[in-house]
Amino acid sequence: MTSQLLELEGTWEEILAQSAKFADRRVRIIVLADEEPLKSAEECFRQGWHEAMTGETVPLSELWEGIDFDESVDRQT
């Protein structure tokens, strides 16, 4: 019989806050490489709004240029 694995991801502080759930259990910890933190939703919205207002956009007719959608779908099946 194999035991079910539970995978958690977060900062050390976020994982540590859940430590009581895992008392007396074996755990494996993998430390991930440093990553650039994600921008907040507000920052992303502000950037997108700025780009829209200053014309820094891609015309819809060019949005999918160079992407062969049918080919990528065929590869997944």
PDB file of N, CA and C in Angstrom:
ATOM      1  N   MET A   1       0.842  -1.171   0.000  1.00  0.00           N
ATOM      2  CA  MET A   1       0.000   0.000   0.000  1.00  0.00           C
ATOM      3  C   MET A   1       0.893   1.242   0.000  1.00  0.00           C
ATOM      4  N   THR A   2       0.612   2.159  -0.908  1.00  0.00           N
ATOM      5  CA  THR A   2       1.394   3.389  -0.973  1.00  0.00           C
ATOM      6  C   THR A   2       0.621   4.522  -0.323  1.00  0.00           C
ATOM      7  N   SER A   3       1.351   5.387   0.344  1.00  0.00           N
ATOM      8  CA  SER A   3       0.693   6.523   0.985  1.00  0.00           C
ATOM      9  C   SER A   3       0.578   7.674  -0.012  1.00  0.00           C
ATOM     10  N   GLN A   4      -0.458   8.454   0.154  1.00  0.00           N
ATOM     11  CA  GLN A   4      -0.696   9.579  -0.732  1.00  0.00           C
ATOM     12  C   GLN A   4       0.231  10.731  -0.358  1.00  0.00           C
ATOM     13  N   LEU A   5       0.847  11.338  -1.362  1.00  0.00           N
ATOM     14  CA  LEU A   5       1.755  12.451  -1.131  1.00  0.00           C
ATOM     15  C   LEU A   5       0.985  13.765  -1.196  1.00  0.00           C
ATOM     16  N   LEU A   6       1.366  14.689  -0.373  1.00  0.00           N
ATOM     17  CA  LEU A   6       0.791  16.028  -0.367  1.00  0.00           C
ATOM     18  C   LEU A   6       1.917  16.995  -0.686  1.00  0.00           C
ATOM     19  N   GLU A   7       1.718  17.818  -1.693  1.00  0.00           N
ATOM     20  CA  GLU A   7       2.747  18.780  -2.085  1.00  0.00           C
ATOM     21  C   GLU A   7       2.292  20.180  -1.708  1.00  0.00           C
ATOM     22  N   LEU A   8       3.149  20.885  -0.990  1.00  0.00           N
ATOM     23  CA  LEU A   8       2.887  22.262  -0.592  1.00  0.00           C
ATOM     24  C   LEU A   8       3.961  23.149  -1.197  1.00  0.00           C
ATOM     25  N   GLU A   9       3.593  24.385  -1.501  1.00  0.00           N
ATOM     26  CA  GLU A   9       4.586  25.335  -1.969  1.00  0.00           C
ATOM     27  C   GLU A   9       4.258  26.689  -1.360  1.00  0.00           C
ATOM     28  N   GLY A  10       5.276  27.374  -0.911  1.00  0.00           N
ATOM     29  CA  GLY A  10       5.107  28.685  -0.315  1.00  0.00           C
ATOM     30  C   GLY A  10       6.416  29.129   0.294  1.00  0.00           C
ATOM     31  N   THR A  11       6.375  30.236   0.986  1.00  0.00           N
ATOM     32  CA  THR A  11       7.579  30.685   1.678  1.00  0.00           C
ATOM     33  C   THR A  11       7.761  29.819   2.923  1.00  0.00           C
ATOM     34  N   TRP A  12       8.936  29.881   3.493  1.00  0.00           N
ATOM     35  CA  TRP A  12       9.196  29.109   4.708  1.00  0.00           C
ATOM     36  C   TRP A  12       8.182  29.468   5.788  1.00  0.00           C
ATOM     37  N   GLU A  13       7.895  30.746   5.912  1.00  0.00           N
ATOM     38  CA  GLU A  13       6.954  31.198   6.941  1.00  0.00           C
ATOM     39  C   GLU A  13       5.550  30.632   6.698  1.00  0.00           C
ATOM     40  N   GLU A  14       5.132  30.569   5.432  1.00  0.00           N
ATOM     41  CA  GLU A  14       3.812  30.015   5.108  1.00  0.00           C
ATOM     42  C   GLU A  14       3.741  28.519   5.425  1.00  0.00           C
ATOM     43  N   ILE A  15       4.804  27.803   5.120  1.00  0.00           N
ATOM     44  CA  ILE A  15       4.845  26.362   5.410  1.00  0.00           C
ATOM     45  C   ILE A  15       4.900  26.140   6.915  1.00  0.00           C
ATOM     46  N   LEU A  16       5.740  26.903   7.596  1.00  0.00           N
ATOM     47  CA  LEU A  16       5.900  26.765   9.038  1.00  0.00           C
ATOM     48  C   LEU A  16       4.580  27.008   9.775  1.00  0.00           C
ATOM     49  N   ALA A  17       3.762  27.906   9.261  1.00  0.00           N
ATOM     50  CA  ALA A  17       2.475  28.201   9.894  1.00  0.00           C
ATOM     51  C   ALA A  17       1.554  26.976   9.897  1.00  0.00           C
ATOM     52  N   GLN A  18       1.830  26.002   9.029  1.00  0.00           N
ATOM     53  CA  GLN A  18       1.014  24.791   8.956  1.00  0.00           C
ATOM     54  C   GLN A  18       1.686  23.587   9.623  1.00  0.00           C
ATOM     55  N   SER A  19       2.761  23.835  10.348  1.00  0.00           N
ATOM     56  CA  SER A  19       3.573  22.738  10.879  1.00  0.00           C
ATOM     57  C   SER A  19       2.817  21.802  11.815  1.00  0.00           C
ATOM     58  N   ALA A  20       1.849  22.310  12.554  1.00  0.00           N
ATOM     59  CA  ALA A  20       1.112  21.451  13.487  1.00  0.00           C
ATOM     60  C   ALA A  20       0.393  20.323  12.754  1.00  0.00           C
ATOM     61  N   LYS A  21      -0.028  20.564  11.529  1.00  0.00           N
ATOM     62  CA  LYS A  21      -0.723  19.531  10.741  1.00  0.00           C
ATOM     63  C   LYS A  21       0.176  18.342  10.443  1.00  0.00           C
ATOM     64  N   PHE A  22       1.479  18.578  10.457  1.00  0.00           N
ATOM     65  CA  PHE A  22       2.418  17.548  10.034  1.00  0.00           C
ATOM     66  C   PHE A  22       3.279  17.012  11.174  1.00  0.00           C
ATOM     67  N   ALA A  23       2.860  17.256  12.409  1.00  0.00           N
ATOM     68  CA  ALA A  23       3.601  16.737  13.561  1.00  0.00           C
ATOM     69  C   ALA A  23       3.638  15.210  13.488  1.00  0.00           C
ATOM     70  N   ASP A  24       4.768  14.625  13.805  1.00  0.00           N
ATOM     71  CA  ASP A  24       4.982  13.173  13.811  1.00  0.00           C
ATOM     72  C   ASP A  24       4.877  12.540  12.426  1.00  0.00           C
ATOM     73  N   ARG A  25       5.037  13.331  11.385  1.00  0.00           N
ATOM     74  CA  ARG A  25       5.015  12.782  10.030  1.00  0.00           C
ATOM     75  C   ARG A  25       6.347  13.064   9.366  1.00  0.00           C
ATOM     76  N   ARG A  26       6.722  12.191   8.449  1.00  0.00           N
ATOM     77  CA  ARG A  26       7.943  12.417   7.675  1.00  0.00           C
ATOM     78  C   ARG A  26       7.655  13.472   6.624  1.00  0.00           C
ATOM     79  N   VAL A  27       8.616  14.361   6.390  1.00  0.00           N
ATOM     80  CA  VAL A  27       8.473  15.404   5.373  1.00  0.00           C
ATOM     81  C   VAL A  27       9.747  15.479   4.541  1.00  0.00           C
ATOM     82  N   ARG A  28       9.621  15.999   3.362  1.00  0.00           N
ATOM     83  CA  ARG A  28      10.771  16.260   2.498  1.00  0.00           C
ATOM     84  C   ARG A  28      10.684  17.728   2.115  1.00  0.00           C
ATOM     85  N   ILE A  29      11.771  18.443   2.251  1.00  0.00           N
ATOM     86  CA  ILE A  29      11.791  19.861   1.932  1.00  0.00           C
ATOM     87  C   ILE A  29      12.749  20.078   0.765  1.00  0.00           C
ATOM     88  N   ILE A  30      12.258  20.764  -0.246  1.00  0.00           N
ATOM     89  CA  ILE A  30      13.078  21.140  -1.396  1.00  0.00           C
ATOM     90  C   ILE A  30      13.088  22.660  -1.447  1.00  0.00           C
ATOM     91  N   VAL A  31      14.257  23.251  -1.409  1.00  0.00           N
ATOM     92  CA  VAL A  31      14.371  24.707  -1.466  1.00  0.00           C
ATOM     93  C   VAL A  31      14.523  25.096  -2.928  1.00  0.00           C
ATOM     94  N   LEU A  32      13.588  25.907  -3.418  1.00  0.00           N
ATOM     95  CA  LEU A  32      13.592  26.333  -4.816  1.00  0.00           C
ATOM     96  C   LEU A  32      14.549  27.488  -5.020  1.00  0.00           C
ATOM     97  N   ALA A  33      15.063  27.600  -6.238  1.00  0.00           N
ATOM     98  CA  ALA A  33      15.958  28.708  -6.571  1.00  0.00           C
ATOM     99  C   ALA A  33      15.207  30.024  -6.430  1.00  0.00           C
ATOM    100  N   ASP A  34      15.948  31.062  -6.133  1.00  0.00           N
ATOM    101  CA  ASP A  34      15.333  32.387  -6.027  1.00  0.00           C
ATOM    102  C   ASP A  34      14.672  32.751  -7.344  1.00  0.00           C
ATOM    103  N   GLU A  35      13.478  33.272  -7.249  1.00  0.00           N
ATOM    104  CA  GLU A  35      12.746  33.714  -8.419  1.00  0.00           C
ATOM    105  C   GLU A  35      12.387  35.174  -8.239  1.00  0.00           C
ATOM    106  N   GLU A  36      12.218  35.835  -9.360  1.00  0.00           N
ATOM    107  CA  GLU A  36      11.785  37.225  -9.288  1.00  0.00           C
ATOM    108  C   GLU A  36      10.347  37.233  -8.773  1.00  0.00           C
ATOM    109  N   PRO A  37      10.068  38.006  -7.744  1.00  0.00           N
ATOM    110  CA  PRO A  37       8.704  38.001  -7.209  1.00  0.00           C
ATOM    111  C   PRO A  37       7.695  38.500  -8.241  1.00  0.00           C
ATOM    112  N   LEU A  38       6.503  37.934  -8.197  1.00  0.00           N
ATOM    113  CA  LEU A  38       5.453  38.345  -9.111  1.00  0.00           C
ATOM    114  C   LEU A  38       4.962  39.739  -8.757  1.00  0.00           C
ATOM    115  N   LYS A  39       4.606  40.497  -9.768  1.00  0.00           N
ATOM    116  CA  LYS A  39       4.034  41.815  -9.532  1.00  0.00           C
ATOM    117  C   LYS A  39       2.623  41.638  -8.987  1.00  0.00           C
ATOM    118  N   SER A  40       2.186  42.598  -8.216  1.00  0.00           N
ATOM    119  CA  SER A  40       0.828  42.545  -7.682  1.00  0.00           C
ATOM    120  C   SER A  40      -0.165  42.781  -8.817  1.00  0.00           C
ATOM    121  N   ALA A  41      -1.412  42.389  -8.588  1.00  0.00           N
ATOM    122  CA  ALA A  41      -2.462  42.607  -9.577  1.00  0.00           C
ATOM    123  C   ALA A  41      -2.592  44.095  -9.880  1.00  0.00           C
ATOM    124  N   GLU A  42      -2.450  44.915  -8.839  1.00  0.00           N
ATOM    125  CA  GLU A  42      -2.561  46.364  -9.042  1.00  0.00           C
ATOM    126  C   GLU A  42      -1.444  46.867  -9.951  1.00  0.00           C
ATOM    127  N   GLU A  43      -0.218  46.399  -9.729  1.00  0.00           N
ATOM    128  CA  GLU A  43       0.905  46.822 -10.571  1.00  0.00           C
ATOM    129  C   GLU A  43       0.684  46.397 -12.024  1.00  0.00           C
ATOM    130  N   CYS A  44       0.208  45.165 -12.227  1.00  0.00           N
ATOM    131  CA  CYS A  44      -0.044  44.664 -13.581  1.00  0.00           C
ATOM    132  C   CYS A  44      -1.131  45.486 -14.260  1.00  0.00           C
ATOM    133  N   PHE A  45      -2.190  45.798 -13.514  1.00  0.00           N
ATOM    134  CA  PHE A  45      -3.274  46.608 -14.076  1.00  0.00           C
ATOM    135  C   PHE A  45      -2.745  47.986 -14.467  1.00  0.00           C
ATOM    136  N   ARG A  46      -1.987  48.605 -13.572  1.00  0.00           N
ATOM    137  CA  ARG A  46      -1.460  49.950 -13.862  1.00  0.00           C
ATOM    138  C   ARG A  46      -0.572  49.933 -15.113  1.00  0.00           C
ATOM    139  N   GLN A  47       0.265  48.905 -15.234  1.00  0.00           N
ATOM    140  CA  GLN A  47       1.143  48.807 -16.404  1.00  0.00           C
ATOM    141  C   GLN A  47       0.307  48.625 -17.669  1.00  0.00           C
ATOM    142  N   GLY A  48      -0.673  47.732 -17.612  1.00  0.00           N
ATOM    143  CA  GLY A  48      -1.531  47.496 -18.773  1.00  0.00           C
ATOM    144  C   GLY A  48      -2.321  48.738 -19.152  1.00  0.00           C
ATOM    145  N   TRP A  49      -2.817  49.448 -18.150  1.00  0.00           N
ATOM    146  CA  TRP A  49      -3.576  50.679 -18.400  1.00  0.00           C
ATOM    147  C   TRP A  49      -2.670  51.723 -19.052  1.00  0.00           C
ATOM    148  N   HIS A  50      -1.448  51.859 -18.538  1.00  0.00           N
ATOM    149  CA  HIS A  50      -0.493  52.809 -19.110  1.00  0.00           C
ATOM    150  C   HIS A  50      -0.207  52.455 -20.569  1.00  0.00           C
ATOM    151  N   GLU A  51       0.033  51.165 -20.844  1.00  0.00           N
ATOM    152  CA  GLU A  51       0.326  50.740 -22.212  1.00  0.00           C
ATOM    153  C   GLU A  51      -0.861  51.009 -23.130  1.00  0.00           C
ATOM    154  N   ALA A  52      -2.082  50.759 -22.643  1.00  0.00           N
ATOM    155  CA  ALA A  52      -3.275  51.007 -23.451  1.00  0.00           C
ATOM    156  C   ALA A  52      -3.444  52.500 -23.730  1.00  0.00           C
ATOM    157  N   MET A  53      -3.202  53.321 -22.725  1.00  0.00           N
ATOM    158  CA  MET A  53      -3.407  54.764 -22.872  1.00  0.00           C
ATOM    159  C   MET A  53      -2.338  55.429 -23.735  1.00  0.00           C
ATOM    160  N   THR A  54      -1.150  54.819 -23.793  1.00  0.00           N
ATOM    161  CA  THR A  54      -0.062  55.413 -24.586  1.00  0.00           C
ATOM    162  C   THR A  54       0.108  54.736 -25.942  1.00  0.00           C
ATOM    163  N   GLY A  55      -0.799  53.829 -26.265  1.00  0.00           N
ATOM    164  CA  GLY A  55      -0.750  53.179 -27.581  1.00  0.00           C
ATOM    165  C   GLY A  55       0.283  52.085 -27.703  1.00  0.00           C
ATOM    166  N   GLU A  56       0.809  51.620 -26.601  1.00  0.00           N
ATOM    167  CA  GLU A  56       1.804  50.538 -26.623  1.00  0.00           C
ATOM    168  C   GLU A  56       1.075  49.199 -26.692  1.00  0.00           C
ATOM    169  N   THR A  57       0.363  48.996 -27.784  1.00  0.00           N
ATOM    170  CA  THR A  57      -0.454  47.788 -27.927  1.00  0.00           C
ATOM    171  C   THR A  57      -0.105  47.077 -29.222  1.00  0.00           C
ATOM    172  N   VAL A  58      -0.572  45.854 -29.354  1.00  0.00           N
ATOM    173  CA  VAL A  58      -0.416  45.067 -30.571  1.00  0.00           C
ATOM    174  C   VAL A  58      -1.795  44.961 -31.204  1.00  0.00           C
ATOM    175  N   PRO A  59      -1.928  45.327 -32.486  1.00  0.00           N
ATOM    176  CA  PRO A  59      -3.233  45.207 -33.130  1.00  0.00           C
ATOM    177  C   PRO A  59      -3.745  43.765 -33.072  1.00  0.00           C
ATOM    178  N   LEU A  60      -5.043  43.618 -32.883  1.00  0.00           N
ATOM    179  CA  LEU A  60      -5.649  42.294 -32.773  1.00  0.00           C
ATOM    180  C   LEU A  60      -5.317  41.428 -33.978  1.00  0.00           C
ATOM    181  N   SER A  61      -5.253  42.048 -35.144  1.00  0.00           N
ATOM    182  CA  SER A  61      -4.956  41.287 -36.367  1.00  0.00           C
ATOM    183  C   SER A  61      -3.548  40.677 -36.334  1.00  0.00           C
ATOM    184  N   GLU A  62      -2.666  41.220 -35.492  1.00  0.00           N
ATOM    185  CA  GLU A  62      -1.290  40.716 -35.400  1.00  0.00           C
ATOM    186  C   GLU A  62      -1.041  39.874 -34.154  1.00  0.00           C
ATOM    187  N   LEU A  63      -2.036  39.798 -33.295  1.00  0.00           N
ATOM    188  CA  LEU A  63      -1.843  39.162 -32.001  1.00  0.00           C
ATOM    189  C   LEU A  63      -1.369  37.714 -32.105  1.00  0.00           C
ATOM    190  N   TRP A  64      -1.953  36.946 -33.011  1.00  0.00           N
ATOM    191  CA  TRP A  64      -1.615  35.517 -33.131  1.00  0.00           C
ATOM    192  C   TRP A  64      -0.662  35.251 -34.287  1.00  0.00           C
ATOM    193  N   GLU A  65      -0.082  36.301 -34.852  1.00  0.00           N
ATOM    194  CA  GLU A  65       0.829  36.148 -35.975  1.00  0.00           C
ATOM    195  C   GLU A  65       2.009  35.257 -35.594  1.00  0.00           C
ATOM    196  N   GLY A  66       2.297  34.277 -36.426  1.00  0.00           N
ATOM    197  CA  GLY A  66       3.424  33.385 -36.184  1.00  0.00           C
ATOM    198  C   GLY A  66       3.103  32.206 -35.280  1.00  0.00           C
ATOM    199  N   ILE A  67       1.850  32.124 -34.817  1.00  0.00           N
ATOM    200  CA  ILE A  67       1.447  31.005 -33.970  1.00  0.00           C
ATOM    201  C   ILE A  67       0.509  30.128 -34.768  1.00  0.00           C
ATOM    202  N   ASP A  68       0.878  28.871 -34.938  1.00  0.00           N
ATOM    203  CA  ASP A  68       0.041  27.931 -35.680  1.00  0.00           C
ATOM    204  C   ASP A  68      -0.783  27.139 -34.672  1.00  0.00           C
ATOM    205  N   PHE A  69      -1.969  27.629 -34.365  1.00  0.00           N
ATOM    206  CA  PHE A  69      -2.803  27.025 -33.330  1.00  0.00           C
ATOM    207  C   PHE A  69      -3.163  25.579 -33.659  1.00  0.00           C
ATOM    208  N   ASP A  70      -3.563  25.310 -34.889  1.00  0.00           N
ATOM    209  CA  ASP A  70      -3.972  23.961 -35.263  1.00  0.00           C
ATOM    210  C   ASP A  70      -2.842  22.960 -35.052  1.00  0.00           C
ATOM    211  N   GLU A  71      -1.624  23.351 -35.385  1.00  0.00           N
ATOM    212  CA  GLU A  71      -0.473  22.471 -35.228  1.00  0.00           C
ATOM    213  C   GLU A  71      -0.210  22.161 -33.753  1.00  0.00           C
ATOM    214  N   SER A  72      -0.331  23.165 -32.886  1.00  0.00           N
ATOM    215  CA  SER A  72      -0.067  22.943 -31.464  1.00  0.00           C
ATOM    216  C   SER A  72      -1.136  22.058 -30.849  1.00  0.00           C
ATOM    217  N   VAL A  73      -2.372  22.162 -31.300  1.00  0.00           N
ATOM    218  CA  VAL A  73      -3.455  21.306 -30.793  1.00  0.00           C
ATOM    219  C   VAL A  73      -3.211  19.875 -31.232  1.00  0.00           C
ATOM    220  N   ASP A  74      -2.791  19.682 -32.486  1.00  0.00           N
ATOM    221  CA  ASP A  74      -2.528  18.341 -32.989  1.00  0.00           C
ATOM    222  C   ASP A  74      -1.440  17.635 -32.194  1.00  0.00           C
ATOM    223  N   ARG A  75      -0.426  18.379 -31.732  1.00  0.00           N
ATOM    224  CA  ARG A  75       0.668  17.780 -30.965  1.00  0.00           C
ATOM    225  C   ARG A  75       0.222  17.303 -29.587  1.00  0.00           C
ATOM    226  N   GLN A  76      -0.796  17.931 -29.027  1.00  0.00           N
ATOM    227  CA  GLN A  76      -1.242  17.575 -27.685  1.00  0.00           C
ATOM    228  C   GLN A  76      -2.109  16.331 -27.670  1.00  0.00           C
ATOM    229  N   THR A  77      -2.668  15.945 -28.803  1.00  0.00           N
ATOM    230  CA  THR A  77      -3.555  14.784 -28.835  1.00  0.00           C
ATOM    231  C   THR A  77      -2.828  13.527 -29.205  1.00  0.00           C
TER     232      THR A  77
END
